Structures are given as C-alpha cells and as structure tokens.
Amino acid sequence: MKVRVDQSICTGCELCVGMSPKLFKMSDALSAEAIREEVPRELVEECRDTADACPVLAIEVSGV
C-alpha cells in the first residue's frame, strides 16, 4: 500500500502526525507529508484510519 499527502489541500492541522507519527511529519511548508511512500504491513490499518480522519481528505491511499 502506498500513501501520499496532497499538500495543495492540506491545512497543516497535524492530526495525521499525532495519530501516526511513524507515517507522517510536518514539512517545512507547514503541511504534512508522508515519511515514506510505501506503508509497512504493520501500519496499514493505522494508515487507513488516519486517512479517514483527515478533515480535508488530503491523505491519498492506493494499492489497498
């Protein structure tokens, strides 16, 4: 499974960073970004939950 953050719509609320600090971090532009594109198997469910919780749906998950 792959994940990315659409930084053009990310509001920088840091919800994803709080929920999944192993998957997301804040960029220099004050928006979130994925730490790595490929999600480790043990973090797949956490990643899906975090994507669903994003208030502006900026987290894009593929290959599920």
Protein backbone atom coordinates (compact mmCIF):
# COMPACT_ATOMS: atom_id res chain seq x y z
CA MET A 1 0.00 0.00 0.00
CA LYS A 2 1.20 3.49 -0.79
CA VAL A 3 0.35 6.81 0.84
CA ARG A 4 0.90 10.45 0.00
CA VAL A 5 -0.41 13.80 1.22
CA ASP A 6 -1.88 16.27 -1.25
CA GLN A 7 -0.10 19.32 0.09
CA SER A 8 -2.22 21.64 -2.03
CA ILE A 9 -5.22 20.91 0.21
CA CYS A 10 -3.51 20.00 3.50
CA THR A 11 -4.31 22.59 6.17
CA GLY A 12 -1.43 21.64 8.45
CA CYS A 13 -3.70 20.69 11.35
CA GLU A 14 -1.20 17.98 12.40
CA LEU A 15 -3.92 15.39 13.09
CA CYS A 16 -2.13 12.79 10.97
CA VAL A 17 1.18 13.46 12.70
CA GLY A 18 -0.49 12.97 16.07
CA MET A 19 -2.27 9.79 15.01
CA SER A 20 0.57 8.24 13.01
CA PRO A 21 3.97 9.73 13.83
CA LYS A 22 5.71 6.78 12.16
CA LEU A 23 3.98 7.61 8.86
CA PHE A 24 3.63 11.41 8.73
CA LYS A 25 5.64 14.51 9.58
CA MET A 26 5.27 18.22 9.05
CA SER A 27 7.14 19.70 6.10
CA ASP A 28 8.99 22.99 6.02
CA ALA A 29 5.96 24.43 4.22
CA LEU A 30 3.82 23.70 7.32
CA SER A 31 1.82 20.98 5.65
CA ALA A 32 2.01 17.25 6.37
CA GLU A 33 3.93 14.79 4.27
CA ALA A 34 4.39 11.04 4.28
CA ILE A 35 7.67 9.92 5.78
CA ARG A 36 7.81 7.11 3.22
CA GLU A 37 5.61 6.26 0.26
CA GLU A 38 5.34 2.52 0.97
CA VAL A 39 3.39 1.72 4.14
CA PRO A 40 4.83 -1.11 6.27
CA ARG A 41 2.41 -4.01 6.68
CA GLU A 42 2.07 -3.48 10.43
CA LEU A 43 0.93 0.14 9.90
CA VAL A 44 -1.65 -0.42 7.14
CA GLU A 45 -4.71 -0.27 9.42
CA GLU A 46 -3.34 2.78 11.25
CA CYS A 47 -2.72 4.49 7.92
CA ARG A 48 -6.28 3.83 6.72
CA ASP A 49 -7.73 5.13 9.99
CA THR A 50 -5.60 8.26 9.76
CA ALA A 51 -6.60 8.90 6.14
CA ASP A 52 -10.27 8.53 7.10
CA ALA A 53 -9.80 11.01 9.96
CA CYS A 54 -8.20 13.75 7.85
CA PRO A 55 -10.67 16.67 7.95
CA VAL A 56 -9.88 17.77 4.38
CA LEU A 57 -9.21 14.30 2.92
CA ALA A 58 -5.68 15.25 1.91
CA ILE A 59 -4.25 11.76 2.55
CA GLU A 60 -4.33 9.59 -0.55
CA VAL A 61 -4.02 5.83 -0.12
CA SER A 62 -3.52 3.50 -3.10
CA GLY A 63 -2.95 -0.18 -3.66
CA VAL A 64 -5.28 -1.30 -0.89
